[in-house]
Amino acid sequence: MIDIKDLLAKYKNKMGADFQNKEKIAQVLSEIVGVLINKEEVEIKNKVLVLKIKTIYKNTALVKKEKILNKLKEEFGDGAPIDIL
């Protein structure tokens, strides 16, 4: 039988990694787009990076999409997002 603490530890580790990934992704986006982007404005769904930012900044990110995806590939390897919405 699995203890609750073991189950919670598993999810805690996963949530911690996700939090750190969002922080790093927001940092990369901020560097490339030139605007401060918070980790709360970044979401990852099925390896697709979903941006919850102003349209003007999102358009800038989409223009620089290839550069952003390449930088994220360098940082995360196969775990990197494959597209941006």
C-alpha atoms as a PDB file:
ATOM      1  CA  MET A   1       0.000   0.000   0.000  1.00  0.00           C
ATOM      2  CA  ILE A   2       1.297   3.467  -0.906  1.00  0.00           C
ATOM      3  CA  ASP A   3       1.557   6.041   1.852  1.00  0.00           C
ATOM      4  CA  ILE A   4      -0.079   9.418   1.293  1.00  0.00           C
ATOM      5  CA  LYS A   5       3.215  11.194   2.024  1.00  0.00           C
ATOM      6  CA  ASP A   6       4.919   9.286  -0.814  1.00  0.00           C
ATOM      7  CA  LEU A   7       2.134  10.197  -3.215  1.00  0.00           C
ATOM      8  CA  LEU A   8       2.241  13.866  -2.187  1.00  0.00           C
ATOM      9  CA  ALA A   9       6.053  13.943  -2.491  1.00  0.00           C
ATOM     10  CA  LYS A  10       5.741  12.725  -6.076  1.00  0.00           C
ATOM     11  CA  TYR A  11       3.392  15.595  -6.963  1.00  0.00           C
ATOM     12  CA  LYS A  12       5.440  18.122  -5.003  1.00  0.00           C
ATOM     13  CA  ASN A  13       8.513  17.304  -7.090  1.00  0.00           C
ATOM     14  CA  LYS A  14       6.530  17.593 -10.318  1.00  0.00           C
ATOM     15  CA  MET A  15       4.994  20.926  -9.295  1.00  0.00           C
ATOM     16  CA  GLY A  16       8.394  22.270  -8.264  1.00  0.00           C
ATOM     17  CA  ALA A  17       9.880  21.379 -11.646  1.00  0.00           C
ATOM     18  CA  ASP A  18       6.953  22.977 -13.464  1.00  0.00           C
ATOM     19  CA  PHE A  19       7.328  26.154 -11.392  1.00  0.00           C
ATOM     20  CA  GLN A  20      11.058  26.331 -12.209  1.00  0.00           C
ATOM     21  CA  ASN A  21      10.397  25.663 -15.905  1.00  0.00           C
ATOM     22  CA  LYS A  22       7.858  28.484 -16.088  1.00  0.00           C
ATOM     23  CA  GLU A  23      10.318  30.801 -14.383  1.00  0.00           C
ATOM     24  CA  LYS A  24      13.087  29.936 -16.874  1.00  0.00           C
ATOM     25  CA  ILE A  25      10.723  30.193 -19.860  1.00  0.00           C
ATOM     26  CA  ALA A  26       9.548  33.628 -18.686  1.00  0.00           C
ATOM     27  CA  GLN A  27      13.184  34.703 -18.367  1.00  0.00           C
ATOM     28  CA  VAL A  28      14.024  33.548 -21.911  1.00  0.00           C
ATOM     29  CA  LEU A  29      10.923  35.282 -23.298  1.00  0.00           C
ATOM     30  CA  SER A  30      11.776  38.502 -21.460  1.00  0.00           C
ATOM     31  CA  GLU A  31      15.297  38.472 -22.918  1.00  0.00           C
ATOM     32  CA  ILE A  32      14.185  37.903 -26.497  1.00  0.00           C
ATOM     33  CA  VAL A  33      10.971  39.952 -26.561  1.00  0.00           C
ATOM     34  CA  GLY A  34      12.481  42.795 -24.522  1.00  0.00           C
ATOM     35  CA  VAL A  35       9.565  43.075 -22.073  1.00  0.00           C
ATOM     36  CA  LEU A  36       9.266  41.697 -18.548  1.00  0.00           C
ATOM     37  CA  ILE A  37       7.108  38.573 -18.655  1.00  0.00           C
ATOM     38  CA  ASN A  38       6.035  36.901 -15.413  1.00  0.00           C
ATOM     39  CA  LYS A  39       5.821  33.156 -14.869  1.00  0.00           C
ATOM     40  CA  GLU A  40       2.077  33.548 -14.244  1.00  0.00           C
ATOM     41  CA  GLU A  41       1.690  34.656 -17.878  1.00  0.00           C
ATOM     42  CA  VAL A  42       3.232  31.430 -19.169  1.00  0.00           C
ATOM     43  CA  GLU A  43       1.429  28.112 -19.479  1.00  0.00           C
ATOM     44  CA  ILE A  44       2.471  24.849 -21.094  1.00  0.00           C
ATOM     45  CA  LYS A  45      -0.183  22.543 -22.556  1.00  0.00           C
ATOM     46  CA  ASN A  46       0.816  19.438 -24.518  1.00  0.00           C
ATOM     47  CA  LYS A  47       4.297  20.850 -25.266  1.00  0.00           C
ATOM     48  CA  VAL A  48       2.748  24.087 -26.585  1.00  0.00           C
ATOM     49  CA  LEU A  49       3.709  27.353 -24.925  1.00  0.00           C
ATOM     50  CA  VAL A  50       0.585  29.435 -24.279  1.00  0.00           C
ATOM     51  CA  LEU A  51       1.251  33.123 -23.584  1.00  0.00           C
ATOM     52  CA  LYS A  52      -1.194  35.174 -21.550  1.00  0.00           C
ATOM     53  CA  ILE A  53       0.318  38.557 -22.359  1.00  0.00           C
ATOM     54  CA  LYS A  54      -0.780  41.710 -24.175  1.00  0.00           C
ATOM     55  CA  THR A  55      -1.386  41.213 -27.886  1.00  0.00           C
ATOM     56  CA  ILE A  56       1.420  43.537 -28.945  1.00  0.00           C
ATOM     57  CA  TYR A  57       3.965  41.533 -26.929  1.00  0.00           C
ATOM     58  CA  LYS A  58       2.505  38.246 -28.108  1.00  0.00           C
ATOM     59  CA  ASN A  59       2.891  39.383 -31.731  1.00  0.00           C
ATOM     60  CA  THR A  60       6.518  40.284 -31.055  1.00  0.00           C
ATOM     61  CA  ALA A  61       7.052  36.828 -29.526  1.00  0.00           C
ATOM     62  CA  LEU A  62       5.437  35.156 -32.539  1.00  0.00           C
ATOM     63  CA  VAL A  63       7.692  37.121 -34.921  1.00  0.00           C
ATOM     64  CA  LYS A  64      10.683  35.829 -32.920  1.00  0.00           C
ATOM     65  CA  LYS A  65       9.130  32.382 -32.481  1.00  0.00           C
ATOM     66  CA  GLU A  66      11.970  30.413 -34.067  1.00  0.00           C
ATOM     67  CA  LYS A  67      14.597  32.141 -31.933  1.00  0.00           C
ATOM     68  CA  ILE A  68      12.557  31.553 -28.753  1.00  0.00           C
ATOM     69  CA  LEU A  69      11.948  27.871 -29.530  1.00  0.00           C
ATOM     70  CA  ASN A  70      15.640  27.318 -30.343  1.00  0.00           C
ATOM     71  CA  LYS A  71      16.710  28.931 -27.054  1.00  0.00           C
ATOM     72  CA  LEU A  72      14.183  26.832 -25.120  1.00  0.00           C
ATOM     73  CA  LYS A  73      15.437  23.708 -26.911  1.00  0.00           C
ATOM     74  CA  GLU A  74      18.960  24.558 -25.706  1.00  0.00           C
ATOM     75  CA  GLU A  75      17.695  24.985 -22.131  1.00  0.00           C
ATOM     76  CA  PHE A  76      15.294  22.022 -21.858  1.00  0.00           C
ATOM     77  CA  GLY A  77      16.306  19.608 -24.612  1.00  0.00           C
ATOM     78  CA  ASP A  78      13.512  17.228 -25.608  1.00  0.00           C
ATOM     79  CA  GLY A  79      11.258  18.648 -22.867  1.00  0.00           C
ATOM     80  CA  ALA A  80      11.087  22.031 -24.594  1.00  0.00           C
ATOM     81  CA  PRO A  81       7.858  23.414 -26.043  1.00  0.00           C
ATOM     82  CA  ILE A  82       7.445  22.761 -29.769  1.00  0.00           C
ATOM     83  CA  ASP A  83       5.103  25.653 -30.578  1.00  0.00           C
ATOM     84  CA  ILE A  84       3.882  29.008 -29.258  1.00  0.00           C
ATOM     85  CA  LEU A  85       0.294  30.250 -29.099  1.00  0.00           C
END
